[in-house]
Protein backbone atom coordinates (compact mmCIF):
# COMPACT_ATOMS: atom_id res chain seq x y z
CA MET A 1 -4.31 3.05 22.18
CA ALA A 2 -1.34 1.58 24.08
CA SER A 3 -1.73 -1.93 26.18
CA CYS A 4 -2.90 -1.51 29.32
CA ALA A 5 -3.02 -3.81 32.68
CA LEU A 6 -6.70 -3.80 32.76
CA MET A 7 -7.47 -7.53 32.82
CA SER A 8 -5.30 -10.09 33.75
CA THR A 9 -7.75 -13.48 32.16
CA ALA A 10 -10.65 -12.51 30.71
CA PHE A 11 -13.37 -9.91 29.44
CA ALA A 12 -16.32 -9.21 27.39
CA ALA A 13 -17.94 -6.62 25.07
CA THR A 14 -21.00 -5.43 24.24
CA PRO A 15 -21.86 -3.16 21.22
CA ALA A 16 -24.29 -0.47 21.13
CA GLY A 17 -27.64 -1.27 20.70
CA PRO A 18 -30.74 -3.45 21.59
CA GLY A 19 -29.74 -5.97 24.27
CA THR A 20 -27.37 -3.99 26.10
CA ALA A 21 -27.41 -5.02 29.80
CA PRO A 22 -29.06 -3.05 32.45
CA VAL A 23 -26.96 -1.27 34.98
CA ALA A 24 -28.20 -1.05 38.86
CA GLN A 25 -29.32 2.17 40.09
CA GLY A 26 -28.19 4.27 43.17
CA THR A 27 -25.20 4.07 44.87
CA GLN A 28 -24.57 0.74 44.19
CA ALA A 29 -24.54 1.72 40.23
CA LEU A 30 -20.81 2.12 39.91
CA GLN A 31 -20.53 3.58 36.15
CA VAL A 32 -17.24 4.28 34.42
CA ALA A 33 -16.95 7.21 32.33
CA GLN A 34 -14.89 4.09 31.53
CA ALA A 35 5.71 -20.29 9.35
CA THR A 36 2.20 -21.01 10.89
CA GLN A 37 1.99 -24.30 12.66
CA ALA A 38 -0.79 -26.84 11.92
CA ALA A 39 -3.65 -25.87 13.80
CA GLN A 40 -6.06 -27.99 16.14
CA PRO A 41 -9.52 -27.44 16.95
CA PRO A 42 -9.80 -25.45 20.15
CA PRO A 43 -10.36 -27.47 23.27
CA ALA A 44 -13.46 -26.43 25.31
CA LEU A 45 -13.36 -24.30 28.00
CA GLN A 46 -13.74 -25.44 31.40
CA ARG A 47 -16.19 -23.57 33.74
CA THR A 48 -13.53 -24.26 36.57
CA GLN A 49 -10.86 -22.05 34.84
CA PRO A 50 -9.65 -18.87 36.83
CA ALA A 51 -12.25 -16.12 36.85
CA PRO A 52 -11.13 -12.75 34.79
CA THR A 53 -9.61 -10.35 36.98
CA PRO A 54 -8.25 -6.67 36.45
CA ALA A 55 -4.92 -6.36 37.24
CA GLY A 56 -3.08 -4.43 40.02
CA ARG A 57 -4.24 -1.94 42.33
CA TRP A 58 -6.55 1.08 41.36
CA THR A 59 -6.94 4.19 43.16
CA LEU A 60 -10.08 6.76 43.22
CA MET A 61 -9.03 10.15 42.74
CA ARG A 62 -9.88 13.67 40.82
CA PRO A 63 -13.79 13.84 41.82
CA ARG A 64 -15.79 16.35 40.18
CA PRO A 65 -19.24 17.11 39.74
CA ALA A 66 -21.34 15.08 37.41
CA PRO A 67 -22.85 17.19 34.15
CA TRP A 68 -26.08 16.15 35.35
CA ALA A 69 -25.75 16.72 39.00
CA ASP A 70 -27.96 19.01 41.21
CA THR A 71 -25.67 21.69 42.07
CA THR A 72 -27.97 23.54 44.48
CA THR A 73 -27.38 20.62 47.18
CA THR A 74 -24.43 18.78 48.12
CA ALA A 75 -25.74 17.20 51.19
CA GLY A 76 -23.85 14.26 51.75
CA ARG A 77 -21.64 14.73 48.79
CA ASP A 78 -18.70 16.18 50.25
CA ALA A 79 -18.45 13.68 53.00
CA ALA A 80 -18.39 10.68 50.24
CA VAL A 81 -15.82 12.93 48.25
CA ALA A 82 -13.60 13.18 51.84
CA ARG A 83 -14.16 9.08 52.43
CA LEU A 84 -13.47 8.00 48.89
CA SER A 85 -10.48 10.32 47.93
CA GLY A 86 -7.15 8.33 47.29
CA ALA A 87 -9.15 5.03 48.33
CA ALA A 88 -7.57 1.51 46.78
CA VAL A 89 -9.74 -0.69 44.70
CA VAL A 90 -8.45 -4.04 43.95
CA PHE A 91 -10.23 -6.76 42.00
CA HIS A 92 -9.78 -10.01 42.86
CA ALA A 93 -11.07 -13.48 41.05
CA ASP A 94 -14.28 -13.57 43.01
CA ARG A 95 -14.79 -10.16 44.40
CA VAL A 96 -13.92 -6.46 44.70
CA GLU A 97 -11.76 -5.22 47.83
CA GLY A 98 -12.51 -1.35 48.43
CA PRO A 99 -14.42 1.12 50.05
CA SER A 100 -18.27 0.99 50.08
CA PRO A 101 -20.35 0.82 47.55
CA LEU A 102 -17.51 -0.72 45.42
CA ALA A 103 -16.49 -3.56 47.76
CA CYS A 104 -18.86 -6.55 46.76
CA ALA A 105 -18.34 -10.46 46.37
CA ASN A 106 -19.24 -13.11 43.44
CA ALA A 107 -17.67 -10.28 40.80
CA ARG A 108 -17.67 -11.34 36.91
CA TYR A 109 -15.74 -8.87 34.69
CA VAL A 110 -17.04 -8.07 31.32
CA PHE A 111 -16.24 -5.34 28.78
CA THR A 112 -19.12 -3.37 26.61
CA ALA A 113 -18.75 -0.55 24.32
CA VAL A 114 -20.94 2.08 24.86
CA PRO A 115 -22.30 4.65 22.80
CA PRO A 116 -22.28 8.22 24.48
CA GLU A 117 -26.13 8.23 24.75
CA GLY A 118 -25.42 5.32 27.20
CA LEU A 119 -22.66 6.64 29.45
CA PHE A 120 -23.71 6.97 33.25
CA GLN A 121 -26.99 5.35 32.73
CA GLY A 122 -28.04 7.48 29.86
CA SER A 123 -27.43 10.55 32.46
CA LEU A 124 -25.36 12.83 30.28
CA PRO A 125 -27.24 16.19 29.07
CA LYS A 126 -27.46 16.42 25.43
CA PRO A 127 -25.79 16.38 23.07
CA ALA A 128 -24.05 13.50 24.94
CA ALA A 129 -21.23 13.23 22.68
CA ARG A 130 -20.47 16.70 23.38
CA ALA A 131 -20.94 16.30 27.34
CA ALA A 132 -18.95 12.79 26.92
CA ALA A 133 -15.70 14.80 25.09
CA ARG A 134 -15.47 17.30 28.34
CA LEU A 135 -15.05 14.51 30.14
CA GLY A 136 -12.50 12.95 28.07
CA LEU A 137 -14.49 10.16 26.55
CA THR A 138 -14.40 10.97 22.61
CA ALA A 139 -15.00 7.40 21.45
CA ALA A 140 -17.99 6.81 19.34
CA ARG A 141 -18.41 3.56 21.53
CA VAL A 142 -16.56 3.96 24.70
CA PRO A 143 -14.68 1.00 25.84
CA THR A 144 -16.26 -0.05 29.54
CA LEU A 145 -15.11 -2.33 31.71
CA ARG A 146 -18.49 -4.13 33.47
CA VAL A 147 -18.27 -5.55 36.67
CA GLU A 148 -20.94 -7.99 37.86
CA CYS A 149 -21.25 -8.77 41.44
CA ASP A 150 -23.78 -8.78 44.61
CA ALA A 151 -23.79 -5.21 45.01
CA GLY A 152 -24.97 -4.34 41.38
CA VAL A 153 -23.49 -3.81 37.94
CA PHE A 154 -20.63 -1.30 37.96
CA ASP A 155 -19.60 0.28 34.51
CA LEU A 156 -16.28 1.61 34.64
CA HIS A 157 -15.78 3.83 31.10
CA LEU A 158 -12.08 4.09 29.97
CA SER A 159 -10.79 7.34 29.00
CA GLU A 160 -7.04 5.82 28.31
CA PRO A 161 -5.94 2.43 28.83
CA VAL A 162 -4.97 2.86 32.71
CA ARG A 163 -8.03 5.21 33.58
CA ALA A 164 -11.39 4.91 33.65
CA LEU A 165 -14.60 7.39 34.85
CA PHE A 166 -17.34 6.05 37.05
CA GLY A 167 -20.37 8.41 38.39
CA LEU A 168 -21.35 8.04 41.65
CA ASP A 169 -23.93 10.16 43.55
CA GLY A 170 -23.60 13.12 41.52
CA VAL A 171 -19.75 12.69 41.10
CA VAL A 172 -17.52 11.69 38.34
CA TRP A 173 -14.34 9.62 39.56
CA THR A 174 -11.18 8.91 38.20
CA LEU A 175 -10.09 5.16 38.84
CA ARG A 176 -6.53 5.12 37.96
CA HIS A 177 -4.30 2.09 37.59
CA ASP A 178 -1.46 1.87 39.43
CA GLY A 179 1.72 0.18 37.93
CA PRO A 180 3.37 0.12 34.75
CA PRO A 181 1.14 -0.86 31.75
CA ASP A 182 1.02 -4.74 30.96
CA ARG A 183 3.09 -5.87 27.84
CA SER A 184 1.61 -9.25 27.96
CA ALA A 185 0.46 -11.44 25.05
CA LEU A 186 -2.99 -11.27 27.03
CA ALA A 187 -2.92 -7.62 27.30
CA ALA A 188 -2.20 -7.33 23.41
CA ALA A 189 -5.17 -9.66 22.62
CA GLN A 190 -7.44 -7.96 24.83
CA TRP A 191 -6.69 -4.50 23.13
CA LEU A 192 -6.86 -5.82 19.48
CA MET A 193 -10.59 -7.15 20.41
CA LEU A 194 -11.70 -4.49 22.34
CA THR A 195 -10.56 -1.71 19.47
CA HIS A 196 -12.57 -4.49 17.27
CA PHE A 197 -15.57 -4.54 19.38
CA ALA A 198 -15.82 -0.70 19.68
CA HIS A 199 -15.37 -0.05 15.93
CA ASP A 200 -16.82 -1.34 12.57
CA MET A 201 -16.50 -5.08 12.74
CA ALA A 202 -16.45 -5.50 9.10
CA PHE A 203 -13.67 -7.18 7.06
CA THR A 204 -12.73 -3.82 5.40
CA PRO A 205 -9.30 -1.99 4.74
CA ALA A 206 -10.43 0.79 6.91
CA SER A 207 -11.23 -1.88 9.77
CA VAL A 208 -8.09 -3.76 9.39
CA ALA A 209 -6.09 -0.33 9.72
CA LEU A 210 -7.50 0.24 13.29
CA LYS A 211 -6.23 -3.02 14.28
CA ARG A 212 -2.89 -3.07 12.26
CA ARG A 213 -0.72 -2.31 15.31
CA TRP A 214 -1.34 -5.77 16.74
CA LEU A 215 -1.08 -7.88 13.65
CA SER A 216 2.23 -9.18 12.65
CA PRO A 217 3.65 -8.09 9.33
CA GLU A 218 2.88 -11.58 7.84
CA LEU A 219 -0.58 -11.78 8.82
CA ALA A 220 -0.87 -7.95 7.75
CA ARG A 221 0.31 -9.00 4.31
CA ALA A 222 -1.95 -11.85 3.89
CA ILE A 223 -5.02 -9.74 4.77
CA ARG A 224 -3.97 -6.86 2.35
CA ALA A 225 -3.34 -9.18 -0.76
CA TRP A 226 -6.78 -11.07 0.17
CA GLN A 227 -8.58 -7.80 0.10
CA MET A 228 -6.84 -6.78 -3.33
CA ARG A 229 -7.84 -9.72 -5.18
CA PRO A 230 -11.13 -9.31 -7.35
CA ALA A 231 -14.06 -10.10 -6.07
CA PRO A 232 -15.87 -13.20 -7.85
CA ALA A 233 -19.27 -11.71 -9.72
CA ASP A 234 -21.13 -14.94 -9.45
CA GLU A 235 -20.42 -16.15 -5.90
CA PRO A 236 -20.01 -14.30 -2.55
CA PRO A 237 -16.43 -14.15 -1.07
CA ALA A 238 -14.86 -16.81 1.02
CA ILE A 239 -14.81 -14.41 3.76
CA ASN A 240 -17.98 -13.03 4.06
CA GLY A 241 -18.41 -11.70 7.59
CA ASP A 242 -16.00 -10.89 10.34
CA PRO A 243 -12.97 -13.39 10.30
CA PHE A 244 -11.85 -12.33 13.30
CA THR A 245 -14.74 -13.53 15.39
CA ASP A 246 -15.71 -16.21 12.65
CA THR A 247 -19.21 -14.69 12.70
CA GLN A 248 -21.99 -12.89 10.21
CA GLU A 249 -24.18 -11.58 12.86
CA TYR A 250 -21.50 -9.78 15.05
CA PRO A 251 -21.06 -11.11 18.73
CA ALA A 252 -22.37 -8.96 21.42
CA ALA A 253 -19.92 -9.43 23.98
CA PHE A 254 -16.77 -11.51 24.57
CA ARG A 255 -14.34 -12.88 27.31
CA LEU A 256 -10.70 -13.85 27.26
CA GLY A 257 -9.83 -17.28 28.49
CA ALA A 258 -6.23 -18.06 30.39
CA PRO A 259 -3.53 -18.23 27.92
CA ARG A 260 -1.36 -21.08 27.37
CA ARG A 261 1.91 -21.68 25.48
CA ASP A 262 2.43 -23.37 22.22
CA GLY A 263 6.03 -23.37 21.37
CA ARG A 264 7.10 -19.45 20.92
CA VAL A 265 3.45 -18.72 20.38
CA THR A 266 0.91 -17.68 23.29
CA VAL A 267 -2.51 -19.00 22.31
CA VAL A 268 -5.25 -16.41 23.84
CA PRO A 269 -8.75 -18.43 23.69
CA VAL A 270 -11.69 -15.88 23.09
CA LEU A 271 -15.27 -16.71 24.14
CA LEU A 272 -17.82 -15.10 22.03
CA GLU A 273 -21.45 -14.15 23.04
CA GLY A 274 -24.59 -12.97 21.66
CA PRO A 275 -28.35 -13.70 21.11
CA GLY A 276 -28.27 -17.55 20.03
CA LEU A 277 -24.36 -17.26 19.81
CA ALA A 278 -21.63 -19.23 21.80
CA ARG A 279 -18.51 -19.59 19.95
CA ARG A 280 -14.80 -19.63 20.48
CA VAL A 281 -12.07 -18.47 18.49
CA ASP A 282 -7.98 -18.68 19.41
CA LEU A 283 -5.56 -15.75 18.92
CA ARG A 284 -2.17 -17.07 18.18
CA MET A 285 -0.10 -14.08 19.43
CA SER A 286 3.65 -14.07 18.51
CA ARG A 287 6.40 -11.70 20.00
CA ILE A 288 7.72 -9.41 17.45
CA ASP A 289 10.04 -6.45 17.61
CA LEU A 290 9.53 -6.63 21.61
CA ARG A 291 5.74 -6.65 21.04
CA TRP A 292 3.09 -9.17 20.96
CA ARG A 293 1.01 -9.36 17.94
CA LEU A 294 -1.71 -11.71 16.29
CA ASP A 295 -0.19 -14.01 13.75
CA ASP A 296 -3.39 -16.21 13.29
CA VAL A 297 -6.97 -16.87 14.42
CA VAL A 298 -7.76 -20.93 14.76
CA TYR A 299 -11.67 -21.48 14.53
CA GLU A 300 -13.60 -24.29 16.21
CA ASP A 301 -13.54 -26.63 13.81
CA GLY A 302 -9.53 -26.29 12.97
CA GLY A 303 -9.56 -24.10 10.64
CA THR A 304 -7.27 -20.72 10.41
CA LEU A 305 -7.67 -17.29 9.43
CA ARG A 306 -4.33 -17.48 7.34
CA THR A 307 -5.61 -20.69 5.22
CA LEU A 308 -8.60 -19.04 4.57
CA LEU A 309 -6.70 -15.91 3.05
CA ALA A 310 -4.87 -18.27 1.08
CA GLY A 311 -7.88 -19.70 -0.25
CA ASP A 312 -6.67 -23.39 0.83
CA ARG A 313 -9.85 -24.40 2.41
CA ALA A 314 -13.74 -24.32 1.55
CA PRO A 315 -15.61 -21.88 3.01
CA ALA A 316 -17.81 -23.12 5.84
CA PRO A 317 -20.55 -21.75 8.48
CA GLY A 318 -19.71 -18.49 10.19
CA THR A 319 -17.72 -15.86 8.26
CA ARG A 320 -17.29 -18.44 5.42
CA ARG A 321 -19.88 -18.61 3.02
């Protein structure tokens, strides 16, 4: 996946399974077939920070009959297609600007990772994975931007970084981002975490390989060296969970806070959420070979992934035994 201009300040993700937030029904249910510096404990995020905003202008295009639609009648459907085709959608910090029913106030943006059976509110015909693949959604858990606002909960399922699919009144629409891809540190952190949440979050070589393009060479080497060490026979390893989120019970959701500069590093806060979980990690992103890459993760207690990999600190709660 390439970096994309999907979010400018934050997002959340929910893995498949119990606890997935319900999506509104009817025309209001917009669905998307869519050398390390000394670390300090991350400061608490303030509620007054700018709200997350999907970046840029998006255009509605390529309407097609939904796989679940009643093909015997098109009453009202043709008129809706004519009205919405080519319409612009702009995501502001607190509202969505666009045609009805997309326009809404008090917007909040989160990310989810949805299995094929849950796409389009579970409307795909069985086998859902095959129906999803015909729409271009081939991931086992599809990255999805969830927009929560006064009009309802709208899901945008990402078929690729700058395109999303959503279903509305028996029609599947493509929402295309206008403009060049976002190559910022925030975008890189976003897609690193989105890839992490959409796949196995266990700390295994296979899982790390999926994220390698977003890791600095130094961090990738440190992880590889740690994973090659013989595991202790009489005690659990120092990393016993997911060191990218500092959890053993994987989080259900996350949001990205406003990035800040720290010398040549850009720090991107990640707020992790789940049943009984509210935690934060800071991603330290460095620009290497014209791309932003993760160079370290800072935990709430001031510990870091780099020191954990080097074996320089005692394990603590979370990923650390």
